[in-house]
PDB file of N, CA and C in Angstrom:
ATOM      1  N   MET A   1     127.463 150.217 128.700  1.00  0.00           N
ATOM      2  CA  MET A   1     126.938 150.767 127.458  1.00  0.00           C
ATOM      3  C   MET A   1     125.783 151.708 127.776  1.00  0.00           C
ATOM      4  N   ASN A   2     125.778 152.819 127.138  1.00  0.00           N
ATOM      5  CA  ASN A   2     124.752 153.826 127.330  1.00  0.00           C
ATOM      6  C   ASN A   2     123.446 153.354 126.678  1.00  0.00           C
ATOM      7  N   SER A   3     122.331 153.554 127.390  1.00  0.00           N
ATOM      8  CA  SER A   3     121.040 153.107 126.856  1.00  0.00           C
ATOM      9  C   SER A   3     120.649 153.864 125.593  1.00  0.00           C
ATOM     10  N   ARG A   4     121.151 155.086 125.436  1.00  0.00           N
ATOM     11  CA  ARG A   4     120.856 155.855 124.230  1.00  0.00           C
ATOM     12  C   ARG A   4     121.401 155.139 122.994  1.00  0.00           C
ATOM     13  N   TYR A   5     122.610 154.610 123.100  1.00  0.00           N
ATOM     14  CA  TYR A   5     123.202 153.894 121.975  1.00  0.00           C
ATOM     15  C   TYR A   5     122.445 152.612 121.680  1.00  0.00           C
ATOM     16  N   PHE A   6     122.014 151.940 122.725  1.00  0.00           N
ATOM     17  CA  PHE A   6     121.233 150.717 122.528  1.00  0.00           C
ATOM     18  C   PHE A   6     119.945 151.022 121.766  1.00  0.00           C
ATOM     19  N   LYS A   7     119.265 152.100 122.146  1.00  0.00           N
ATOM     20  CA  LYS A   7     118.022 152.479 121.470  1.00  0.00           C
ATOM     21  C   LYS A   7     118.283 152.836 120.016  1.00  0.00           C
ATOM     22  N   GLU A   8     119.383 153.564 119.756  1.00  0.00           N
ATOM     23  CA  GLU A   8     119.708 153.924 118.379  1.00  0.00           C
ATOM     24  C   GLU A   8     119.995 152.673 117.552  1.00  0.00           C
ATOM     25  N   ASP A   9     120.755 151.741 118.105  1.00  0.00           N
ATOM     26  CA  ASP A   9     121.047 150.493 117.397  1.00  0.00           C
ATOM     27  C   ASP A   9     119.771 149.704 117.149  1.00  0.00           C
ATOM     28  N   HIS A  10     118.926 149.652 118.147  1.00  0.00           N
ATOM     29  CA  HIS A  10     117.661 148.925 118.039  1.00  0.00           C
ATOM     30  C   HIS A  10     116.789 149.559 116.952  1.00  0.00           C
ATOM     31  N   HIS A  11     116.726 150.875 116.935  1.00  0.00           N
ATOM     32  CA  HIS A  11     115.921 151.577 115.929  1.00  0.00           C
ATOM     33  C   HIS A  11     116.484 151.366 114.540  1.00  0.00           C
ATOM     34  N   GLN A  12     117.807 151.360 114.430  1.00  0.00           N
ATOM     35  CA  GLN A  12     118.421 151.118 113.127  1.00  0.00           C
ATOM     36  C   GLN A  12     118.090 149.709 112.638  1.00  0.00           C
ATOM     37  N   GLY A  13     118.070 148.771 113.554  1.00  0.00           N
ATOM     38  CA  GLY A  13     117.715 147.406 113.187  1.00  0.00           C
ATOM     39  C   GLY A  13     116.273 147.304 112.713  1.00  0.00           C
ATOM     40  N   LEU A  14     115.386 148.010 113.403  1.00  0.00           N
ATOM     41  CA  LEU A  14     113.981 148.025 112.984  1.00  0.00           C
ATOM     42  C   LEU A  14     113.818 148.711 111.635  1.00  0.00           C
ATOM     43  N   GLU A  15     114.511 149.830 111.450  1.00  0.00           N
ATOM     44  CA  GLU A  15     114.433 150.534 110.171  1.00  0.00           C
ATOM     45  C   GLU A  15     114.932 149.643 109.038  1.00  0.00           C
ATOM     46  N   TRP A  16     115.993 148.880 109.292  1.00  0.00           N
ATOM     47  CA  TRP A  16     116.527 147.956 108.296  1.00  0.00           C
ATOM     48  C   TRP A  16     115.489 146.889 107.953  1.00  0.00           C
ATOM     49  N   GLU A  17     114.833 146.355 108.938  1.00  0.00           N
ATOM     50  CA  GLU A  17     113.803 145.347 108.700  1.00  0.00           C
ATOM     51  C   GLU A  17     112.625 145.928 107.914  1.00  0.00           C
ATOM     52  N   PHE A  18     112.230 147.147 108.239  1.00  0.00           N
ATOM     53  CA  PHE A  18     111.148 147.803 107.493  1.00  0.00           C
ATOM     54  C   PHE A  18     111.554 147.997 106.032  1.00  0.00           C
ATOM     55  N   MET A  19     112.780 148.439 105.816  1.00  0.00           N
ATOM     56  CA  MET A  19     113.258 148.653 104.447  1.00  0.00           C
ATOM     57  C   MET A  19     113.296 147.340 103.665  1.00  0.00           C
ATOM     58  N   LYS A  20     113.724 146.266 104.312  1.00  0.00           N
ATOM     59  CA  LYS A  20     113.748 144.962 103.639  1.00  0.00           C
ATOM     60  C   LYS A  20     112.336 144.523 103.261  1.00  0.00           C
ATOM     61  N   GLU A  21     111.393 144.707 104.159  1.00  0.00           N
ATOM     62  CA  GLU A  21     110.011 144.315 103.883  1.00  0.00           C
ATOM     63  C   GLU A  21     109.408 145.166 102.771  1.00  0.00           C
ATOM     64  N   GLN A  22     109.660 146.469 102.812  1.00  0.00           N
ATOM     65  CA  GLN A  22     109.154 147.344 101.762  1.00  0.00           C
ATOM     66  C   GLN A  22     109.744 146.967 100.401  1.00  0.00           C
ATOM     67  N   SER A  23     111.020 146.685 100.385  1.00  0.00           N
ATOM     68  CA  SER A  23     111.686 146.289  99.148  1.00  0.00           C
ATOM     69  C   SER A  23     111.112 144.972  98.619  1.00  0.00           C
ATOM     70  N   GLY A  24     110.904 144.030  99.514  1.00  0.00           N
ATOM     71  CA  GLY A  24     110.336 142.742  99.113  1.00  0.00           C
ATOM     72  C   GLY A  24     108.923 142.893  98.583  1.00  0.00           C
ATOM     73  N   ALA A  25     108.130 143.722  99.249  1.00  0.00           N
ATOM     74  CA  ALA A  25     106.750 143.946  98.808  1.00  0.00           C
ATOM     75  C   ALA A  25     106.727 144.620  97.446  1.00  0.00           C
ATOM     76  N   LEU A  26     107.634 145.538  97.228  1.00  0.00           N
ATOM     77  CA  LEU A  26     107.725 146.215  95.935  1.00  0.00           C
ATOM     78  C   LEU A  26     108.104 145.215  94.837  1.00  0.00           C
ATOM     79  N   GLY A  27     109.038 144.345  95.126  1.00  0.00           N
ATOM     80  CA  GLY A  27     109.435 143.312  94.163  1.00  0.00           C
ATOM     81  C   GLY A  27     108.300 142.346  93.860  1.00  0.00           C
ATOM     82  N   ARG A  28     107.573 141.949  94.883  1.00  0.00           N
ATOM     83  CA  ARG A  28     106.444 141.032  94.681  1.00  0.00           C
ATOM     84  C   ARG A  28     105.345 141.691  93.854  1.00  0.00           C
ATOM     85  N   ALA A  29     105.105 142.978  94.090  1.00  0.00           N
ATOM     86  CA  ALA A  29     104.089 143.695  93.310  1.00  0.00           C
ATOM     87  C   ALA A  29     104.505 143.777  91.845  1.00  0.00           C
ATOM     88  N   GLY A  30     105.771 144.017  91.594  1.00  0.00           N
ATOM     89  CA  GLY A  30     106.275 144.047  90.220  1.00  0.00           C
ATOM     90  C   GLY A  30     106.171 142.683  89.552  1.00  0.00           C
ATOM     91  N   ASP A  31     106.511 141.640  90.285  1.00  0.00           N
ATOM     92  CA  ASP A  31     106.395 140.281  89.745  1.00  0.00           C
ATOM     93  C   ASP A  31     104.944 139.937  89.417  1.00  0.00           C
ATOM     94  N   SER A  32     104.032 140.346  90.279  1.00  0.00           N
ATOM     95  CA  SER A  32     102.606 140.085  90.037  1.00  0.00           C
ATOM     96  C   SER A  32     102.131 140.768  88.762  1.00  0.00           C
ATOM     97  N   LEU A  33     102.585 142.005  88.551  1.00  0.00           N
ATOM     98  CA  LEU A  33     102.199 142.718  87.337  1.00  0.00           C
ATOM     99  C   LEU A  33     102.773 142.022  86.107  1.00  0.00           C
ATOM    100  N   LYS A  34     104.033 141.625  86.163  1.00  0.00           N
ATOM    101  CA  LYS A  34     104.648 140.911  85.032  1.00  0.00           C
ATOM    102  C   LYS A  34     103.867 139.651  84.687  1.00  0.00           C
ATOM    103  N   LYS A  35     103.526 138.864  85.697  1.00  0.00           N
ATOM    104  CA  LYS A  35     102.797 137.614  85.474  1.00  0.00           C
ATOM    105  C   LYS A  35     101.409 137.880  84.903  1.00  0.00           C
ATOM    106  N   ALA A  36     100.731 138.897  85.420  1.00  0.00           N
ATOM    107  CA  ALA A  36      99.385 139.221  84.935  1.00  0.00           C
ATOM    108  C   ALA A  36      99.436 139.666  83.476  1.00  0.00           C
ATOM    109  N   ILE A  37     100.420 140.477  83.130  1.00  0.00           N
ATOM    110  CA  ILE A  37     100.566 140.931  81.745  1.00  0.00           C
ATOM    111  C   ILE A  37     100.861 139.748  80.827  1.00  0.00           C
ATOM    112  N   LYS A  38     101.766 138.892  81.246  1.00  0.00           N
ATOM    113  CA  LYS A  38     102.128 137.721  80.433  1.00  0.00           C
ATOM    114  C   LYS A  38     100.903 136.836  80.185  1.00  0.00           C
ATOM    115  N   HIS A  39     100.132 136.593  81.236  1.00  0.00           N
ATOM    116  CA  HIS A  39      98.932 135.763  81.113  1.00  0.00           C
ATOM    117  C   HIS A  39      97.930 136.415  80.160  1.00  0.00           C
ATOM    118  N   TYR A  40      97.695 137.705  80.320  1.00  0.00           N
ATOM    119  CA  TYR A  40      96.740 138.427  79.471  1.00  0.00           C
ATOM    120  C   TYR A  40      97.176 138.369  78.009  1.00  0.00           C
ATOM    121  N   ARG A  41      98.433 138.631  77.750  1.00  0.00           N
ATOM    122  CA  ARG A  41      98.924 138.655  76.366  1.00  0.00           C
ATOM    123  C   ARG A  41      98.921 137.257  75.735  1.00  0.00           C
ATOM    124  N   ALA A  42      98.975 136.216  76.540  1.00  0.00           N
ATOM    125  CA  ALA A  42      98.973 134.849  76.010  1.00  0.00           C
ATOM    126  C   ALA A  42      97.586 134.407  75.550  1.00  0.00           C
ATOM    127  N   LEU A  43      96.545 135.083  76.017  1.00  0.00           N
ATOM    128  CA  LEU A  43      95.182 134.696  75.647  1.00  0.00           C
ATOM    129  C   LEU A  43      94.782 135.316  74.309  1.00  0.00           C
ATOM    130  N   PRO A  44      94.141 134.535  73.429  1.00  0.00           N
ATOM    131  CA  PRO A  44      93.649 135.114  72.184  1.00  0.00           C
ATOM    132  C   PRO A  44      92.528 136.114  72.470  1.00  0.00           C
ATOM    133  N   PRO A  45      92.340 137.106  71.579  1.00  0.00           N
ATOM    134  CA  PRO A  45      91.323 138.145  71.818  1.00  0.00           C
ATOM    135  C   PRO A  45      89.919 137.608  72.086  1.00  0.00           C
ATOM    136  N   SER A  46      89.584 136.469  71.541  1.00  0.00           N
ATOM    137  CA  SER A  46      88.231 135.935  71.718  1.00  0.00           C
ATOM    138  C   SER A  46      88.092 135.007  72.934  1.00  0.00           C
ATOM    139  N   HIS A  47      89.151 134.846  73.686  1.00  0.00           N
ATOM    140  CA  HIS A  47      89.116 133.915  74.829  1.00  0.00           C
ATOM    141  C   HIS A  47      88.150 134.435  75.897  1.00  0.00           C
ATOM    142  N   PRO A  48      87.321 133.555  76.450  1.00  0.00           N
ATOM    143  CA  PRO A  48      86.334 133.985  77.455  1.00  0.00           C
ATOM    144  C   PRO A  48      86.951 134.508  78.762  1.00  0.00           C
ATOM    145  N   GLU A  49      88.185 134.159  79.057  1.00  0.00           N
ATOM    146  CA  GLU A  49      88.843 134.603  80.294  1.00  0.00           C
ATOM    147  C   GLU A  49      89.649 135.896  80.105  1.00  0.00           C
ATOM    148  N   ARG A  50      89.631 136.430  78.897  1.00  0.00           N
ATOM    149  CA  ARG A  50      90.465 137.608  78.616  1.00  0.00           C
ATOM    150  C   ARG A  50      90.076 138.826  79.459  1.00  0.00           C
ATOM    151  N   GLU A  51      88.794 139.065  79.636  1.00  0.00           N
ATOM    152  CA  GLU A  51      88.356 140.215  80.437  1.00  0.00           C
ATOM    153  C   GLU A  51      88.791 140.050  81.899  1.00  0.00           C
ATOM    154  N   LYS A  52      88.704 138.832  82.394  1.00  0.00           N
ATOM    155  CA  LYS A  52      89.152 138.558  83.763  1.00  0.00           C
ATOM    156  C   LYS A  52      90.667 138.769  83.887  1.00  0.00           C
ATOM    157  N   ALA A  53      91.400 138.361  82.864  1.00  0.00           N
ATOM    158  CA  ALA A  53      92.854 138.548  82.859  1.00  0.00           C
ATOM    159  C   ALA A  53      93.205 140.037  82.800  1.00  0.00           C
ATOM    160  N   LEU A  54      92.428 140.800  82.041  1.00  0.00           N
ATOM    161  CA  LEU A  54      92.642 142.245  81.967  1.00  0.00           C
ATOM    162  C   LEU A  54      92.388 142.893  83.332  1.00  0.00           C
ATOM    163  N   ALA A  55      91.362 142.438  84.010  1.00  0.00           N
ATOM    164  CA  ALA A  55      91.076 142.952  85.349  1.00  0.00           C
ATOM    165  C   ALA A  55      92.240 142.645  86.298  1.00  0.00           C
ATOM    166  N   ALA A  56      92.853 141.478  86.136  1.00  0.00           N
ATOM    167  CA  ALA A  56      94.004 141.116  86.967  1.00  0.00           C
ATOM    168  C   ALA A  56      95.191 142.034  86.677  1.00  0.00           C
ATOM    169  N   VAL A  57      95.386 142.394  85.412  1.00  0.00           N
ATOM    170  CA  VAL A  57      96.461 143.329  85.055  1.00  0.00           C
ATOM    171  C   VAL A  57      96.194 144.689  85.702  1.00  0.00           C
ATOM    172  N   SER A  58      94.975 145.177  85.559  1.00  0.00           N
ATOM    173  CA  SER A  58      94.626 146.480  86.141  1.00  0.00           C
ATOM    174  C   SER A  58      94.818 146.480  87.649  1.00  0.00           C
ATOM    175  N   ASP A  59      94.395 145.410  88.297  1.00  0.00           N
ATOM    176  CA  ASP A  59      94.541 145.306  89.743  1.00  0.00           C
ATOM    177  C   ASP A  59      96.019 145.269  90.140  1.00  0.00           C
ATOM    178  N   ALA A  60      96.815 144.482  89.422  1.00  0.00           N
ATOM    179  CA  ALA A  60      98.246 144.393  89.731  1.00  0.00           C
ATOM    180  C   ALA A  60      98.942 145.729  89.486  1.00  0.00           C
ATOM    181  N   LEU A  61      98.524 146.443  88.446  1.00  0.00           N
ATOM    182  CA  LEU A  61      99.085 147.766  88.170  1.00  0.00           C
ATOM    183  C   LEU A  61      98.761 148.720  89.314  1.00  0.00           C
ATOM    184  N   TRP A  62      97.521 148.734  89.743  1.00  0.00           N
ATOM    185  CA  TRP A  62      97.114 149.607  90.846  1.00  0.00           C
ATOM    186  C   TRP A  62      97.895 149.261  92.114  1.00  0.00           C
ATOM    187  N   GLN A  63      98.046 147.964  92.386  1.00  0.00           N
ATOM    188  CA  GLN A  63      98.780 147.551  93.592  1.00  0.00           C
ATOM    189  C   GLN A  63     100.237 147.993  93.538  1.00  0.00           C
ATOM    190  N   LEU A  64     100.853 147.889  92.364  1.00  0.00           N
ATOM    191  CA  LEU A  64     102.238 148.330  92.243  1.00  0.00           C
ATOM    192  C   LEU A  64     102.334 149.841  92.419  1.00  0.00           C
ATOM    193  N   GLN A  65     101.401 150.581  91.845  1.00  0.00           N
ATOM    194  CA  GLN A  65     101.392 152.030  92.039  1.00  0.00           C
ATOM    195  C   GLN A  65     101.301 152.370  93.532  1.00  0.00           C
ATOM    196  N   MET A  66     100.398 151.725  94.224  1.00  0.00           N
ATOM    197  CA  MET A  66     100.216 152.008  95.653  1.00  0.00           C
ATOM    198  C   MET A  66     101.447 151.615  96.453  1.00  0.00           C
ATOM    199  N   GLN A  67     102.050 150.481  96.125  1.00  0.00           N
ATOM    200  CA  GLN A  67     103.240 150.043  96.850  1.00  0.00           C
ATOM    201  C   GLN A  67     104.384 151.023  96.632  1.00  0.00           C
ATOM    202  N   ARG A  68     104.546 151.495  95.398  1.00  0.00           N
ATOM    203  CA  ARG A  68     105.593 152.477  95.111  1.00  0.00           C
ATOM    204  C   ARG A  68     105.340 153.765  95.878  1.00  0.00           C
ATOM    205  N   GLU A  69     104.094 154.215  95.938  1.00  0.00           N
ATOM    206  CA  GLU A  69     103.785 155.428  96.691  1.00  0.00           C
ATOM    207  C   GLU A  69     104.055 155.229  98.178  1.00  0.00           C
ATOM    208  N   PHE A  70     103.749 154.039  98.683  1.00  0.00           N
ATOM    209  CA  PHE A  70     103.968 153.748 100.097  1.00  0.00           C
ATOM    210  C   PHE A  70     105.442 153.898 100.477  1.00  0.00           C
ATOM    211  N   VAL A  71     106.340 153.502  99.580  1.00  0.00           N
ATOM    212  CA  VAL A  71     107.766 153.602  99.897  1.00  0.00           C
ATOM    213  C   VAL A  71     108.358 154.945  99.484  1.00  0.00           C
ATOM    214  N   GLY A  72     107.522 155.841  98.916  1.00  0.00           N
ATOM    215  CA  GLY A  72     107.988 157.196  98.651  1.00  0.00           C
ATOM    216  C   GLY A  72     108.167 157.580  97.201  1.00  0.00           C
ATOM    217  N   PHE A  73     107.915 156.670  96.266  1.00  0.00           N
ATOM    218  CA  PHE A  73     108.043 157.002  94.845  1.00  0.00           C
ATOM    219  C   PHE A  73     106.732 157.584  94.344  1.00  0.00           C
ATOM    220  N   VAL A  74     106.574 158.877  94.483  1.00  0.00           N
ATOM    221  CA  VAL A  74     105.314 159.525  94.149  1.00  0.00           C
ATOM    222  C   VAL A  74     105.394 160.217  92.788  1.00  0.00           C
ATOM    223  N   ASP A  75     106.451 160.967  92.565  1.00  0.00           N
ATOM    224  CA  ASP A  75     106.593 161.709  91.315  1.00  0.00           C
ATOM    225  C   ASP A  75     106.812 160.754  90.142  1.00  0.00           C
ATOM    226  N   SER A  76     106.057 160.980  89.082  1.00  0.00           N
ATOM    227  CA  SER A  76     106.176 160.188  87.842  1.00  0.00           C
ATOM    228  C   SER A  76     106.017 158.691  88.090  1.00  0.00           C
ATOM    229  N   ASN A  77     105.228 158.343  89.073  1.00  0.00           N
ATOM    230  CA  ASN A  77     105.059 156.948  89.455  1.00  0.00           C
ATOM    231  C   ASN A  77     104.561 156.098  88.286  1.00  0.00           C
ATOM    232  N   LEU A  78     103.441 156.473  87.701  1.00  0.00           N
ATOM    233  CA  LEU A  78     102.876 155.690  86.611  1.00  0.00           C
ATOM    234  C   LEU A  78     103.813 155.676  85.405  1.00  0.00           C
ATOM    235  N   GLN A  79     104.418 156.799  85.082  1.00  0.00           N
ATOM    236  CA  GLN A  79     105.321 156.865  83.942  1.00  0.00           C
ATOM    237  C   GLN A  79     106.511 155.926  84.120  1.00  0.00           C
ATOM    238  N   THR A  80     107.002 155.840  85.340  1.00  0.00           N
ATOM    239  CA  THR A  80     108.118 154.936  85.631  1.00  0.00           C
ATOM    240  C   THR A  80     107.692 153.487  85.438  1.00  0.00           C
ATOM    241  N   ILE A  81     106.510 153.147  85.906  1.00  0.00           N
ATOM    242  CA  ILE A  81     106.003 151.784  85.747  1.00  0.00           C
ATOM    243  C   ILE A  81     105.823 151.463  84.273  1.00  0.00           C
ATOM    244  N   LEU A  82     105.243 152.396  83.527  1.00  0.00           N
ATOM    245  CA  LEU A  82     104.998 152.154  82.096  1.00  0.00           C
ATOM    246  C   LEU A  82     106.294 152.033  81.311  1.00  0.00           C
ATOM    247  N   ALA A  83     107.355 152.688  81.758  1.00  0.00           N
ATOM    248  CA  ALA A  83     108.654 152.564  81.098  1.00  0.00           C
ATOM    249  C   ALA A  83     109.265 151.189  81.349  1.00  0.00           C
ATOM    250  N   GLU A  84     108.906 150.576  82.459  1.00  0.00           N
ATOM    251  CA  GLU A  84     109.486 149.281  82.855  1.00  0.00           C
ATOM    252  C   GLU A  84     108.645 148.086  82.410  1.00  0.00           C
ATOM    253  N   PHE A  85     107.334 148.254  82.374  1.00  0.00           N
ATOM    254  CA  PHE A  85     106.421 147.146  82.097  1.00  0.00           C
ATOM    255  C   PHE A  85     105.614 147.425  80.835  1.00  0.00           C
ATOM    256  N   ASP A  86     105.344 146.377  80.086  1.00  0.00           N
ATOM    257  CA  ASP A  86     104.559 146.473  78.849  1.00  0.00           C
ATOM    258  C   ASP A  86     103.067 146.383  79.187  1.00  0.00           C
ATOM    259  N   VAL A  87     102.558 147.407  79.858  1.00  0.00           N
ATOM    260  CA  VAL A  87     101.171 147.417  80.323  1.00  0.00           C
ATOM    261  C   VAL A  87     100.237 147.647  79.129  1.00  0.00           C
ATOM    262  N   PRO A  88      99.259 146.778  78.940  1.00  0.00           N
ATOM    263  CA  PRO A  88      98.299 146.973  77.854  1.00  0.00           C
ATOM    264  C   PRO A  88      97.507 148.266  78.047  1.00  0.00           C
ATOM    265  N   LYS A  89      97.297 148.976  76.962  1.00  0.00           N
ATOM    266  CA  LYS A  89      96.531 150.231  77.024  1.00  0.00           C
ATOM    267  C   LYS A  89      95.145 150.001  77.608  1.00  0.00           C
ATOM    268  N   GLU A  90      94.558 148.830  77.351  1.00  0.00           N
ATOM    269  CA  GLU A  90      93.230 148.526  77.877  1.00  0.00           C
ATOM    270  C   GLU A  90      93.220 148.536  79.406  1.00  0.00           C
ATOM    271  N   ALA A  91      94.323 148.119  80.014  1.00  0.00           N
ATOM    272  CA  ALA A  91      94.408 148.112  81.479  1.00  0.00           C
ATOM    273  C   ALA A  91      94.443 149.544  82.017  1.00  0.00           C
ATOM    274  N   LEU A  92      95.143 150.418  81.298  1.00  0.00           N
ATOM    275  CA  LEU A  92      95.175 151.821  81.699  1.00  0.00           C
ATOM    276  C   LEU A  92      93.799 152.457  81.587  1.00  0.00           C
ATOM    277  N   THR A  93      93.120 152.162  80.486  1.00  0.00           N
ATOM    278  CA  THR A  93      91.781 152.683  80.289  1.00  0.00           C
ATOM    279  C   THR A  93      90.851 152.211  81.394  1.00  0.00           C
ATOM    280  N   LYS A  94      90.989 150.948  81.768  1.00  0.00           N
ATOM    281  CA  LYS A  94      90.161 150.371  82.829  1.00  0.00           C
ATOM    282  C   LYS A  94      90.340 151.126  84.150  1.00  0.00           C
ATOM    283  N   LEU A  95      91.545 151.648  84.365  1.00  0.00           N
ATOM    284  CA  LEU A  95      91.832 152.407  85.594  1.00  0.00           C
ATOM    285  C   LEU A  95      91.545 153.888  85.440  1.00  0.00           C
ATOM    286  N   GLY A  96      91.090 154.282  84.262  1.00  0.00           N
ATOM    287  CA  GLY A  96      90.725 155.678  84.055  1.00  0.00           C
ATOM    288  C   GLY A  96      91.828 156.564  83.518  1.00  0.00           C
ATOM    289  N   HIS A  97      92.923 155.964  83.065  1.00  0.00           N
ATOM    290  CA  HIS A  97      94.016 156.746  82.489  1.00  0.00           C
ATOM    291  C   HIS A  97      93.816 156.866  80.980  1.00  0.00           C
ATOM    292  N   GLN A  98      94.179 157.984  80.450  1.00  0.00           N
ATOM    293  CA  GLN A  98      94.018 158.246  79.021  1.00  0.00           C
ATOM    294  C   GLN A  98      95.378 158.212  78.326  1.00  0.00           C
ATOM    295  N   GLY A  99      95.961 157.022  78.209  1.00  0.00           N
ATOM    296  CA  GLY A  99      97.229 156.892  77.502  1.00  0.00           C
ATOM    297  C   GLY A  99      98.393 157.596  78.174  1.00  0.00           C
ATOM    298  N   ASP A 100      98.431 157.545  79.516  1.00  0.00           N
ATOM    299  CA  ASP A 100      99.501 158.194  80.271  1.00  0.00           C
ATOM    300  C   ASP A 100     100.792 157.525  79.896  1.00  0.00           C
TER     301      ASP A 100
END
């Protein structure tokens, strides 16, 4: 067997593993955002933990944005996330977005 083919196969295997990890990380980031939103929306407006829950939503949103950019989803990144997730407007404001 030619060593060139071995290297190509080895590289393809590594690329496959990288893609699996990136996909898993993207899924975990999306799950984290869903959970943070659900928790925030479950709290009444006067609840003392609501601001902390909002911060968790903002953080999870930022992490998902960064993870998507890392795997190459740069164009319309935030718009795509907002179409998929019911992100509270307050979380967007916290990150400096004006109703994107």
